PDB file of all heavy atoms in Angstrom:
ATOM      1  N   GLY A   1       1.518 -21.690 -28.342  1.00  0.00           N
ATOM      2  CA  GLY A   1       1.879 -20.285 -28.448  1.00  0.00           C
ATOM      3  C   GLY A   1       1.223 -19.461 -27.360  1.00  0.00           C
ATOM      4  O   GLY A   1       1.866 -18.622 -26.723  1.00  0.00           O
ATOM      5  N   LEU A   2      -0.062 -19.696 -27.127  1.00  0.00           N
ATOM      6  CA  LEU A   2      -0.791 -18.963 -26.100  1.00  0.00           C
ATOM      7  C   LEU A   2      -0.209 -19.245 -24.719  1.00  0.00           C
ATOM      8  O   LEU A   2      -0.028 -18.322 -23.910  1.00  0.00           O
ATOM      9  CB  LEU A   2      -2.270 -19.347 -26.129  1.00  0.00           C
ATOM     10  CG  LEU A   2      -3.165 -18.679 -25.081  1.00  0.00           C
ATOM     11  CD1 LEU A   2      -3.172 -17.168 -25.251  1.00  0.00           C
ATOM     12  CD2 LEU A   2      -4.591 -19.239 -25.168  1.00  0.00           C
ATOM     13  N   ALA A   3       0.105 -20.516 -24.429  1.00  0.00           N
ATOM     14  CA  ALA A   3       0.643 -20.871 -23.114  1.00  0.00           C
ATOM     15  C   ALA A   3       1.985 -20.193 -22.864  1.00  0.00           C
ATOM     16  O   ALA A   3       2.208 -19.615 -21.791  1.00  0.00           O
ATOM     17  CB  ALA A   3       0.789 -22.387 -23.002  1.00  0.00           C
ATOM     18  N   PHE A   4       2.865 -20.256 -23.848  1.00  0.00           N
ATOM     19  CA  PHE A   4       4.164 -19.595 -23.681  1.00  0.00           C
ATOM     20  C   PHE A   4       4.001 -18.081 -23.637  1.00  0.00           C
ATOM     21  O   PHE A   4       4.745 -17.390 -22.938  1.00  0.00           O
ATOM     22  CB  PHE A   4       5.118 -20.004 -24.806  1.00  0.00           C
ATOM     23  CG  PHE A   4       5.802 -21.322 -24.576  1.00  0.00           C
ATOM     24  CD1 PHE A   4       5.376 -22.463 -25.232  1.00  0.00           C
ATOM     25  CD2 PHE A   4       6.860 -21.422 -23.692  1.00  0.00           C
ATOM     26  CE1 PHE A   4       6.001 -23.687 -25.012  1.00  0.00           C
ATOM     27  CE2 PHE A   4       7.492 -22.646 -23.468  1.00  0.00           C
ATOM     28  CZ  PHE A   4       7.058 -23.785 -24.135  1.00  0.00           C
ATOM     29  N   GLY A   5       3.030 -17.571 -24.375  1.00  0.00           N
ATOM     30  CA  GLY A   5       2.788 -16.129 -24.354  1.00  0.00           C
ATOM     31  C   GLY A   5       2.290 -15.652 -23.009  1.00  0.00           C
ATOM     32  O   GLY A   5       2.727 -14.609 -22.509  1.00  0.00           O
ATOM     33  N   VAL A   6       1.366 -16.412 -22.399  1.00  0.00           N
ATOM     34  CA  VAL A   6       0.872 -16.058 -21.064  1.00  0.00           C
ATOM     35  C   VAL A   6       2.010 -16.112 -20.049  1.00  0.00           C
ATOM     36  O   VAL A   6       2.151 -15.229 -19.191  1.00  0.00           O
ATOM     37  CB  VAL A   6      -0.279 -16.992 -20.654  1.00  0.00           C
ATOM     38  CG1 VAL A   6      -0.587 -16.861 -19.163  1.00  0.00           C
ATOM     39  CG2 VAL A   6      -1.523 -16.681 -21.470  1.00  0.00           C
ATOM     40  N   HIS A   7       2.818 -17.160 -20.142  1.00  0.00           N
ATOM     41  CA  HIS A   7       3.951 -17.276 -19.215  1.00  0.00           C
ATOM     42  C   HIS A   7       4.906 -16.098 -19.370  1.00  0.00           C
ATOM     43  O   HIS A   7       5.358 -15.512 -18.375  1.00  0.00           O
ATOM     44  CB  HIS A   7       4.694 -18.591 -19.453  1.00  0.00           C
ATOM     45  CG  HIS A   7       5.889 -18.764 -18.569  1.00  0.00           C
ATOM     46  ND1 HIS A   7       7.164 -18.397 -18.954  1.00  0.00           N
ATOM     47  CD2 HIS A   7       6.007 -19.239 -17.303  1.00  0.00           C
ATOM     48  CE1 HIS A   7       8.005 -18.644 -17.975  1.00  0.00           C
ATOM     49  NE2 HIS A   7       7.333 -19.164 -16.968  1.00  0.00           N
ATOM     50  N   ARG A   8       5.210 -15.733 -20.613  1.00  0.00           N
ATOM     51  CA  ARG A   8       6.122 -14.607 -20.848  1.00  0.00           C
ATOM     52  C   ARG A   8       5.488 -13.296 -20.405  1.00  0.00           C
ATOM     53  O   ARG A   8       6.172 -12.383 -19.940  1.00  0.00           O
ATOM     54  CB  ARG A   8       6.509 -14.529 -22.324  1.00  0.00           C
ATOM     55  CG  ARG A   8       7.304 -15.712 -22.853  1.00  0.00           C
ATOM     56  CD  ARG A   8       8.501 -16.016 -22.006  1.00  0.00           C
ATOM     57  NE  ARG A   8       9.369 -14.851 -21.853  1.00  0.00           N
ATOM     58  CZ  ARG A   8      10.357 -14.756 -20.975  1.00  0.00           C
ATOM     59  NH1 ARG A   8      10.569 -15.740 -20.122  1.00  0.00           N
ATOM     60  NH2 ARG A   8      11.093 -13.675 -20.908  1.00  0.00           N
ATOM     61  N   ALA A   9       4.167 -13.181 -20.554  1.00  0.00           N
ATOM     62  CA  ALA A   9       3.492 -11.957 -20.109  1.00  0.00           C
ATOM     63  C   ALA A   9       3.633 -11.774 -18.604  1.00  0.00           C
ATOM     64  O   ALA A   9       3.923 -10.675 -18.112  1.00  0.00           O
ATOM     65  CB  ALA A   9       2.019 -11.999 -20.509  1.00  0.00           C
ATOM     66  N   LEU A  10       3.435 -12.858 -17.851  1.00  0.00           N
ATOM     67  CA  LEU A  10       3.582 -12.778 -16.405  1.00  0.00           C
ATOM     68  C   LEU A  10       5.040 -12.547 -16.016  1.00  0.00           C
ATOM     69  O   LEU A  10       5.337 -11.813 -15.064  1.00  0.00           O
ATOM     70  CB  LEU A  10       3.050 -14.057 -15.753  1.00  0.00           C
ATOM     71  CG  LEU A  10       1.526 -14.230 -15.828  1.00  0.00           C
ATOM     72  CD1 LEU A  10       1.119 -15.626 -15.379  1.00  0.00           C
ATOM     73  CD2 LEU A  10       0.842 -13.174 -14.968  1.00  0.00           C
ATOM     74  N   ASP A  11       5.945 -13.161 -16.747  1.00  0.00           N
ATOM     75  CA  ASP A  11       7.364 -12.944 -16.502  1.00  0.00           C
ATOM     76  C   ASP A  11       7.727 -11.475 -16.723  1.00  0.00           C
ATOM     77  O   ASP A  11       8.436 -10.866 -15.914  1.00  0.00           O
ATOM     78  CB  ASP A  11       8.186 -13.838 -17.441  1.00  0.00           C
ATOM     79  CG  ASP A  11       9.672 -13.777 -17.146  1.00  0.00           C
ATOM     80  OD1 ASP A  11      10.141 -14.580 -16.324  1.00  0.00           O
ATOM     81  OD2 ASP A  11      10.367 -12.927 -17.737  1.00  0.00           O
ATOM     82  N   ASN A  12       7.221 -10.906 -17.801  1.00  0.00           N
ATOM     83  CA  ASN A  12       7.494  -9.500 -18.097  1.00  0.00           C
ATOM     84  C   ASN A  12       6.756  -8.555 -17.156  1.00  0.00           C
ATOM     85  O   ASN A  12       7.199  -7.419 -16.945  1.00  0.00           O
ATOM     86  CB  ASN A  12       7.127  -9.189 -19.552  1.00  0.00           C
ATOM     87  CG  ASN A  12       8.143  -9.742 -20.535  1.00  0.00           C
ATOM     88  OD1 ASN A  12       9.337  -9.523 -20.398  1.00  0.00           O
ATOM     89  ND2 ASN A  12       7.675 -10.490 -21.528  1.00  0.00           N
ATOM     90  N   ALA A  13       5.631  -9.019 -16.595  1.00  0.00           N
ATOM     91  CA  ALA A  13       4.960  -8.205 -15.583  1.00  0.00           C
ATOM     92  C   ALA A  13       5.874  -8.009 -14.378  1.00  0.00           C
ATOM     93  O   ALA A  13       5.930  -6.925 -13.782  1.00  0.00           O
ATOM     94  CB  ALA A  13       3.650  -8.862 -15.162  1.00  0.00           C
ATOM     95  N   GLY A  14       6.593  -9.057 -14.015  1.00  0.00           N
ATOM     96  CA  GLY A  14       7.576  -8.921 -12.953  1.00  0.00           C
ATOM     97  C   GLY A  14       8.687  -7.964 -13.319  1.00  0.00           C
ATOM     98  O   GLY A  14       9.211  -7.231 -12.471  1.00  0.00           O
ATOM     99  N   ALA A  15       9.035  -7.958 -14.611  1.00  0.00           N
ATOM    100  CA  ALA A  15      10.066  -7.037 -15.078  1.00  0.00           C
ATOM    101  C   ALA A  15       9.577  -5.594 -15.116  1.00  0.00           C
ATOM    102  O   ALA A  15      10.381  -4.669 -15.230  1.00  0.00           O
ATOM    103  CB  ALA A  15      10.534  -7.452 -16.473  1.00  0.00           C
ATOM    104  N   VAL A  16       8.267  -5.389 -15.041  1.00  0.00           N
ATOM    105  CA  VAL A  16       7.718  -4.034 -14.909  1.00  0.00           C
ATOM    106  C   VAL A  16       7.738  -3.606 -13.447  1.00  0.00           C
ATOM    107  O   VAL A  16       8.180  -2.516 -13.097  1.00  0.00           O
ATOM    108  CB  VAL A  16       6.282  -3.964 -15.463  1.00  0.00           C
ATOM    109  CG1 VAL A  16       5.679  -2.596 -15.197  1.00  0.00           C
ATOM    110  CG2 VAL A  16       6.273  -4.255 -16.952  1.00  0.00           C
ATOM    111  N   VAL A  17       7.260  -4.500 -12.593  1.00  0.00           N
ATOM    112  CA  VAL A  17       7.168  -4.184 -11.168  1.00  0.00           C
ATOM    113  C   VAL A  17       8.550  -3.935 -10.571  1.00  0.00           C
ATOM    114  O   VAL A  17       8.740  -2.992  -9.787  1.00  0.00           O
ATOM    115  CB  VAL A  17       6.457  -5.327 -10.423  1.00  0.00           C
ATOM    116  CG1 VAL A  17       6.539  -5.117  -8.908  1.00  0.00           C
ATOM    117  CG2 VAL A  17       5.011  -5.427 -10.868  1.00  0.00           C
ATOM    118  N   GLY A  18       9.524  -4.758 -10.943  1.00  0.00           N
ATOM    119  CA  GLY A  18      10.859  -4.634 -10.381  1.00  0.00           C
ATOM    120  C   GLY A  18      11.500  -3.273 -10.584  1.00  0.00           C
ATOM    121  O   GLY A  18      11.885  -2.598  -9.616  1.00  0.00           O
ATOM    122  N   PRO A  19      11.644  -2.799 -11.843  1.00  0.00           N
ATOM    123  CA  PRO A  19      12.247  -1.482 -12.061  1.00  0.00           C
ATOM    124  C   PRO A  19      11.452  -0.339 -11.455  1.00  0.00           C
ATOM    125  O   PRO A  19      12.039   0.632 -10.956  1.00  0.00           O
ATOM    126  CB  PRO A  19      12.294  -1.364 -13.594  1.00  0.00           C
ATOM    127  CG  PRO A  19      12.290  -2.762 -14.081  1.00  0.00           C
ATOM    128  CD  PRO A  19      11.444  -3.519 -13.105  1.00  0.00           C
ATOM    129  N   LEU A  20      10.116  -0.419 -11.502  1.00  0.00           N
ATOM    130  CA  LEU A  20       9.311   0.641 -10.889  1.00  0.00           C
ATOM    131  C   LEU A  20       9.541   0.704  -9.384  1.00  0.00           C
ATOM    132  O   LEU A  20       9.668   1.783  -8.799  1.00  0.00           O
ATOM    133  CB  LEU A  20       7.828   0.407 -11.191  1.00  0.00           C
ATOM    134  CG  LEU A  20       7.385   0.627 -12.640  1.00  0.00           C
ATOM    135  CD1 LEU A  20       5.905   0.310 -12.797  1.00  0.00           C
ATOM    136  CD2 LEU A  20       7.665   2.060 -13.086  1.00  0.00           C
ATOM    137  N   LEU A  21       9.605  -0.462  -8.768  1.00  0.00           N
ATOM    138  CA  LEU A  21       9.879  -0.501  -7.334  1.00  0.00           C
ATOM    139  C   LEU A  21      11.274   0.020  -7.034  1.00  0.00           C
ATOM    140  O   LEU A  21      11.492   0.727  -6.034  1.00  0.00           O
ATOM    141  CB  LEU A  21       9.718  -1.928  -6.819  1.00  0.00           C
ATOM    142  CG  LEU A  21       9.826  -2.130  -5.299  1.00  0.00           C
ATOM    143  CD1 LEU A  21       8.819  -1.250  -4.571  1.00  0.00           C
ATOM    144  CD2 LEU A  21       9.633  -3.594  -4.950  1.00  0.00           C
ATOM    145  N   ALA A  22      12.232  -0.308  -7.909  1.00  0.00           N
ATOM    146  CA  ALA A  22      13.593   0.204  -7.727  1.00  0.00           C
ATOM    147  C   ALA A  22      13.611   1.724  -7.796  1.00  0.00           C
ATOM    148  O   ALA A  22      14.289   2.383  -6.992  1.00  0.00           O
ATOM    149  CB  ALA A  22      14.516  -0.386  -8.795  1.00  0.00           C
ATOM    150  N   ALA A  23      12.865   2.291  -8.765  1.00  0.00           N
ATOM    151  CA  ALA A  23      12.817   3.751  -8.893  1.00  0.00           C
ATOM    152  C   ALA A  23      12.213   4.392  -7.648  1.00  0.00           C
ATOM    153  O   ALA A  23      12.702   5.422  -7.162  1.00  0.00           O
ATOM    154  CB  ALA A  23      12.020   4.137 -10.135  1.00  0.00           C
ATOM    155  N   VAL A  24      11.155   3.762  -7.109  1.00  0.00           N
ATOM    156  CA  VAL A  24      10.514   4.300  -5.901  1.00  0.00           C
ATOM    157  C   VAL A  24      11.463   4.239  -4.713  1.00  0.00           C
ATOM    158  O   VAL A  24      11.615   5.209  -3.952  1.00  0.00           O
ATOM    159  CB  VAL A  24       9.214   3.533  -5.595  1.00  0.00           C
ATOM    160  CG1 VAL A  24       8.665   3.932  -4.233  1.00  0.00           C
ATOM    161  CG2 VAL A  24       8.185   3.793  -6.677  1.00  0.00           C
ATOM    162  N   LEU A  25      12.125   3.103  -4.536  1.00  0.00           N
ATOM    163  CA  LEU A  25      13.024   2.935  -3.396  1.00  0.00           C
ATOM    164  C   LEU A  25      14.226   3.871  -3.484  1.00  0.00           C
ATOM    165  O   LEU A  25      14.699   4.381  -2.460  1.00  0.00           O
ATOM    166  CB  LEU A  25      13.486   1.479  -3.315  1.00  0.00           C
ATOM    167  CG  LEU A  25      12.392   0.452  -3.012  1.00  0.00           C
ATOM    168  CD1 LEU A  25      12.949  -0.963  -3.050  1.00  0.00           C
ATOM    169  CD2 LEU A  25      11.743   0.728  -1.664  1.00  0.00           C
ATOM    170  N   LEU A  26      14.715   4.108  -4.710  1.00  0.00           N
ATOM    171  CA  LEU A  26      15.819   5.053  -4.870  1.00  0.00           C
ATOM    172  C   LEU A  26      15.354   6.476  -4.585  1.00  0.00           C
ATOM    173  O   LEU A  26      16.087   7.281  -3.996  1.00  0.00           O
ATOM    174  CB  LEU A  26      16.391   4.966  -6.288  1.00  0.00           C
ATOM    175  CG  LEU A  26      17.246   3.739  -6.606  1.00  0.00           C
ATOM    176  CD1 LEU A  26      17.614   3.742  -8.077  1.00  0.00           C
ATOM    177  CD2 LEU A  26      18.506   3.715  -5.750  1.00  0.00           C
ATOM    178  N   THR A  27      14.135   6.778  -4.998  1.00  0.00           N
ATOM    179  CA  THR A  27      13.604   8.131  -4.783  1.00  0.00           C
ATOM    180  C   THR A  27      13.465   8.462  -3.305  1.00  0.00           C
ATOM    181  O   THR A  27      13.740   9.590  -2.882  1.00  0.00           O
ATOM    182  CB  THR A  27      12.231   8.277  -5.475  1.00  0.00           C
ATOM    183  OG1 THR A  27      12.378   8.020  -6.872  1.00  0.00           O
ATOM    184  CG2 THR A  27      11.671   9.681  -5.276  1.00  0.00           C
ATOM    185  N   ILE A  28      13.070   7.475  -2.515  1.00  0.00           N
ATOM    186  CA  ILE A  28      12.914   7.726  -1.078  1.00  0.00           C
ATOM    187  C   ILE A  28      14.235   7.602  -0.331  1.00  0.00           C
ATOM    188  O   ILE A  28      14.277   7.750   0.895  1.00  0.00           O
ATOM    189  CB  ILE A  28      11.874   6.778  -0.458  1.00  0.00           C
ATOM    190  CG1 ILE A  28      12.349   5.321  -0.525  1.00  0.00           C
ATOM    191  CG2 ILE A  28      10.531   6.931  -1.158  1.00  0.00           C
ATOM    192  CD1 ILE A  28      11.394   4.339   0.144  1.00  0.00           C
ATOM    193  N   GLY A  29      15.312   7.319  -1.066  1.00  0.00           N
ATOM    194  CA  GLY A  29      16.639   7.318  -0.471  1.00  0.00           C
ATOM    195  C   GLY A  29      17.075   6.025   0.176  1.00  0.00           C
ATOM    196  O   GLY A  29      18.030   6.026   0.969  1.00  0.00           O
ATOM    197  N   LEU A  30      16.448   4.893  -0.166  1.00  0.00           N
ATOM    198  CA  LEU A  30      16.847   3.618   0.413  1.00  0.00           C
ATOM    199  C   LEU A  30      18.192   3.193  -0.179  1.00  0.00           C
ATOM    200  O   LEU A  30      18.375   3.216  -1.401  1.00  0.00           O
ATOM    201  CB  LEU A  30      15.800   2.547   0.122  1.00  0.00           C
ATOM    202  CG  LEU A  30      15.898   1.262   0.945  1.00  0.00           C
ATOM    203  CD1 LEU A  30      15.584   1.553   2.409  1.00  0.00           C
ATOM    204  CD2 LEU A  30      14.939   0.213   0.398  1.00  0.00           C
ATOM    205  N   PRO A  31      19.172   2.815   0.648  1.00  0.00           N
ATOM    206  CA  PRO A  31      20.482   2.405   0.136  1.00  0.00           C
ATOM    207  C   PRO A  31      20.389   1.183  -0.774  1.00  0.00           C
ATOM    208  O   PRO A  31      19.504   0.337  -0.611  1.00  0.00           O
ATOM    209  CB  PRO A  31      21.275   2.079   1.411  1.00  0.00           C
ATOM    210  CG  PRO A  31      20.579   2.819   2.497  1.00  0.00           C
ATOM    211  CD  PRO A  31      19.123   2.825   2.116  1.00  0.00           C
ATOM    212  N   LEU A  32      21.313   1.106  -1.710  1.00  0.00           N
ATOM    213  CA  LEU A  32      21.319  -0.001  -2.662  1.00  0.00           C
ATOM    214  C   LEU A  32      21.435  -1.346  -1.948  1.00  0.00           C
ATOM    215  O   LEU A  32      20.801  -2.323  -2.341  1.00  0.00           O
ATOM    216  CB  LEU A  32      22.471   0.168  -3.655  1.00  0.00           C
ATOM    217  CG  LEU A  32      22.634  -0.919  -4.722  1.00  0.00           C
ATOM    218  CD1 LEU A  32      21.390  -1.040  -5.571  1.00  0.00           C
ATOM    219  CD2 LEU A  32      23.854  -0.651  -5.586  1.00  0.00           C
ATOM    220  N   ARG A  33      22.225  -1.408  -0.887  1.00  0.00           N
ATOM    221  CA  ARG A  33      22.385  -2.663  -0.159  1.00  0.00           C
ATOM    222  C   ARG A  33      21.047  -3.140   0.405  1.00  0.00           C
ATOM    223  O   ARG A  33      20.725  -4.331   0.347  1.00  0.00           O
ATOM    224  CB  ARG A  33      23.395  -2.487   0.972  1.00  0.00           C
ATOM    225  CG  ARG A  33      23.560  -3.725   1.846  1.00  0.00           C
ATOM    226  CD  ARG A  33      24.673  -3.536   2.851  1.00  0.00           C
ATOM    227  NE  ARG A  33      25.958  -3.396   2.187  1.00  0.00           N
ATOM    228  CZ  ARG A  33      27.117  -3.183   2.834  1.00  0.00           C
ATOM    229  NH1 ARG A  33      27.107  -3.066   4.150  1.00  0.00           N
ATOM    230  NH2 ARG A  33      28.239  -3.084   2.158  1.00  0.00           N
ATOM    231  N   ASP A  34      20.259  -2.229   0.923  1.00  0.00           N
ATOM    232  CA  ASP A  34      18.951  -2.607   1.471  1.00  0.00           C
ATOM    233  C   ASP A  34      17.999  -3.068   0.366  1.00  0.00           C
ATOM    234  O   ASP A  34      17.191  -3.981   0.565  1.00  0.00           O
ATOM    235  CB  ASP A  34      18.337  -1.432   2.227  1.00  0.00           C
ATOM    236  CG  ASP A  34      19.120  -1.090   3.493  1.00  0.00           C
ATOM    237  OD1 ASP A  34      19.939  -1.923   3.922  1.00  0.00           O
ATOM    238  OD2 ASP A  34      18.929   0.010   4.029  1.00  0.00           O
ATOM    239  N   ILE A  35      18.088  -2.431  -0.799  1.00  0.00           N
ATOM    240  CA  ILE A  35      17.247  -2.835  -1.928  1.00  0.00           C
ATOM    241  C   ILE A  35      17.571  -4.273  -2.329  1.00  0.00           C
ATOM    242  O   ILE A  35      16.674  -5.088  -2.586  1.00  0.00           O
ATOM    243  CB  ILE A  35      17.446  -1.886  -3.122  1.00  0.00           C
ATOM    244  CG1 ILE A  35      16.959  -0.478  -2.762  1.00  0.00           C
ATOM    245  CG2 ILE A  35      16.709  -2.404  -4.349  1.00  0.00           C
ATOM    246  CD1 ILE A  35      17.196   0.543  -3.857  1.00  0.00           C
ATOM    247  N   LEU A  36      18.863  -4.598  -2.376  1.00  0.00           N
ATOM    248  CA  LEU A  36      19.266  -5.953  -2.738  1.00  0.00           C
ATOM    249  C   LEU A  36      18.775  -6.974  -1.724  1.00  0.00           C
ATOM    250  O   LEU A  36      18.331  -8.070  -2.086  1.00  0.00           O
ATOM    251  CB  LEU A  36      20.789  -6.014  -2.859  1.00  0.00           C
ATOM    252  CG  LEU A  36      21.414  -5.176  -3.974  1.00  0.00           C
ATOM    253  CD1 LEU A  36      22.935  -5.188  -3.866  1.00  0.00           C
ATOM    254  CD2 LEU A  36      20.984  -5.676  -5.337  1.00  0.00           C
ATOM    255  N   LEU A  37      18.844  -6.634  -0.466  1.00  0.00           N
ATOM    256  CA  LEU A  37      18.391  -7.560   0.570  1.00  0.00           C
ATOM    257  C   LEU A  37      16.888  -7.817   0.488  1.00  0.00           C
ATOM    258  O   LEU A  37      16.413  -8.916   0.794  1.00  0.00           O
ATOM    259  CB  LEU A  37      18.758  -7.014   1.951  1.00  0.00           C
ATOM    260  CG  LEU A  37      20.254  -6.994   2.292  1.00  0.00           C
ATOM    261  CD1 LEU A  37      20.482  -6.294   3.620  1.00  0.00           C
ATOM    262  CD2 LEU A  37      20.825  -8.413   2.326  1.00  0.00           C
ATOM    263  N   LEU A  38      16.128  -6.826   0.047  1.00  0.00           N
ATOM    264  CA  LEU A  38      14.674  -6.978  -0.054  1.00  0.00           C
ATOM    265  C   LEU A  38      14.258  -8.006  -1.100  1.00  0.00           C
ATOM    266  O   LEU A  38      13.123  -8.501  -1.065  1.00  0.00           O
ATOM    267  CB  LEU A  38      14.028  -5.626  -0.370  1.00  0.00           C
ATOM    268  CG  LEU A  38      13.935  -4.622   0.786  1.00  0.00           C
ATOM    269  CD1 LEU A  38      13.395  -3.293   0.285  1.00  0.00           C
ATOM    270  CD2 LEU A  38      13.059  -5.167   1.909  1.00  0.00           C
ATOM    271  N   THR A  39      15.155  -8.333  -2.030  1.00  0.00           N
ATOM    272  CA  THR A  39      14.803  -9.314  -3.055  1.00  0.00           C
ATOM    273  C   THR A  39      14.580 -10.704  -2.477  1.00  0.00           C
ATOM    274  O   THR A  39      14.039 -11.585  -3.160  1.00  0.00           O
ATOM    275  CB  THR A  39      15.897  -9.390  -4.129  1.00  0.00           C
ATOM    276  OG1 THR A  39      17.130  -9.839  -3.528  1.00  0.00           O
ATOM    277  CG2 THR A  39      16.128  -8.031  -4.772  1.00  0.00           C
ATOM    278  N   LEU A  40      14.975 -10.921  -1.235  1.00  0.00           N
ATOM    279  CA  LEU A  40      14.764 -12.221  -0.619  1.00  0.00           C
ATOM    280  C   LEU A  40      13.277 -12.526  -0.438  1.00  0.00           C
ATOM    281  O   LEU A  40      12.859 -13.692  -0.522  1.00  0.00           O
ATOM    282  CB  LEU A  40      15.465 -12.258   0.748  1.00  0.00           C
ATOM    283  CG  LEU A  40      15.381 -13.574   1.525  1.00  0.00           C
ATOM    284  CD1 LEU A  40      16.063 -14.695   0.750  1.00  0.00           C
ATOM    285  CD2 LEU A  40      16.008 -13.423   2.900  1.00  0.00           C
ATOM    286  N   ILE A  41      12.458 -11.487  -0.236  1.00  0.00           N
ATOM    287  CA  ILE A  41      11.035 -11.701   0.049  1.00  0.00           C
ATOM    288  C   ILE A  41      10.298 -12.295  -1.152  1.00  0.00           C
ATOM    289  O   ILE A  41       9.690 -13.380  -1.038  1.00  0.00           O
ATOM    290  CB  ILE A  41      10.378 -10.390   0.521  1.00  0.00           C
ATOM    291  CG1 ILE A  41      11.024  -9.918   1.836  1.00  0.00           C
ATOM    292  CG2 ILE A  41       8.878 -10.574   0.701  1.00  0.00           C
ATOM    293  CD1 ILE A  41      10.540  -8.563   2.296  1.00  0.00           C
ATOM    294  N   PRO A  42      10.303 -11.646  -2.320  1.00  0.00           N
ATOM    295  CA  PRO A  42       9.615 -12.275  -3.458  1.00  0.00           C
ATOM    296  C   PRO A  42      10.267 -13.573  -3.882  1.00  0.00           C
ATOM    297  O   PRO A  42       9.584 -14.472  -4.405  1.00  0.00           O
ATOM    298  CB  PRO A  42       9.702 -11.202  -4.565  1.00  0.00           C
ATOM    299  CG  PRO A  42      10.848 -10.345  -4.175  1.00  0.00           C
ATOM    300  CD  PRO A  42      10.864 -10.334  -2.690  1.00  0.00           C
ATOM    301  N   GLY A  43      11.573 -13.709  -3.647  1.00  0.00           N
ATOM    302  CA  GLY A  43      12.237 -14.964  -3.989  1.00  0.00           C
ATOM    303  C   GLY A  43      11.695 -16.133  -3.189  1.00  0.00           C
ATOM    304  O   GLY A  43      11.451 -17.221  -3.724  1.00  0.00           O
ATOM    305  N   LEU A  44      11.496 -15.937  -1.899  1.00  0.00           N
ATOM    306  CA  LEU A  44      10.947 -16.993  -1.054  1.00  0.00           C
ATOM    307  C   LEU A  44       9.505 -17.328  -1.436  1.00  0.00           C
ATOM    308  O   LEU A  44       9.092 -18.495  -1.411  1.00  0.00           O
ATOM    309  CB  LEU A  44      11.023 -16.580   0.414  1.00  0.00           C
ATOM    310  CG  LEU A  44      12.431 -16.536   1.034  1.00  0.00           C
ATOM    311  CD1 LEU A  44      12.368 -15.981   2.449  1.00  0.00           C
ATOM    312  CD2 LEU A  44      13.075 -17.924   1.017  1.00  0.00           C
ATOM    313  N   LEU A  45       8.733 -16.301  -1.804  1.00  0.00           N
ATOM    314  CA  LEU A  45       7.360 -16.542  -2.249  1.00  0.00           C
ATOM    315  C   LEU A  45       7.339 -17.376  -3.531  1.00  0.00           C
ATOM    316  O   LEU A  45       6.511 -18.287  -3.689  1.00  0.00           O
ATOM    317  CB  LEU A  45       6.638 -15.209  -2.461  1.00  0.00           C
ATOM    318  CG  LEU A  45       6.352 -14.380  -1.206  1.00  0.00           C
ATOM    319  CD1 LEU A  45       5.763 -13.023  -1.589  1.00  0.00           C
ATOM    320  CD2 LEU A  45       5.402 -15.129  -0.274  1.00  0.00           C
TER     321      LEU A  45
END
């Protein structure tokens, strides 16, 4: 239970960072296409 909980916690941490980053990028006026292209960086990591 603890192992799956830790894994889900880290998974959900990414789900926090993602929307917050999306809100920031939209606020500064970055086009949606550029936001989508930026997902390649964390994906490669």
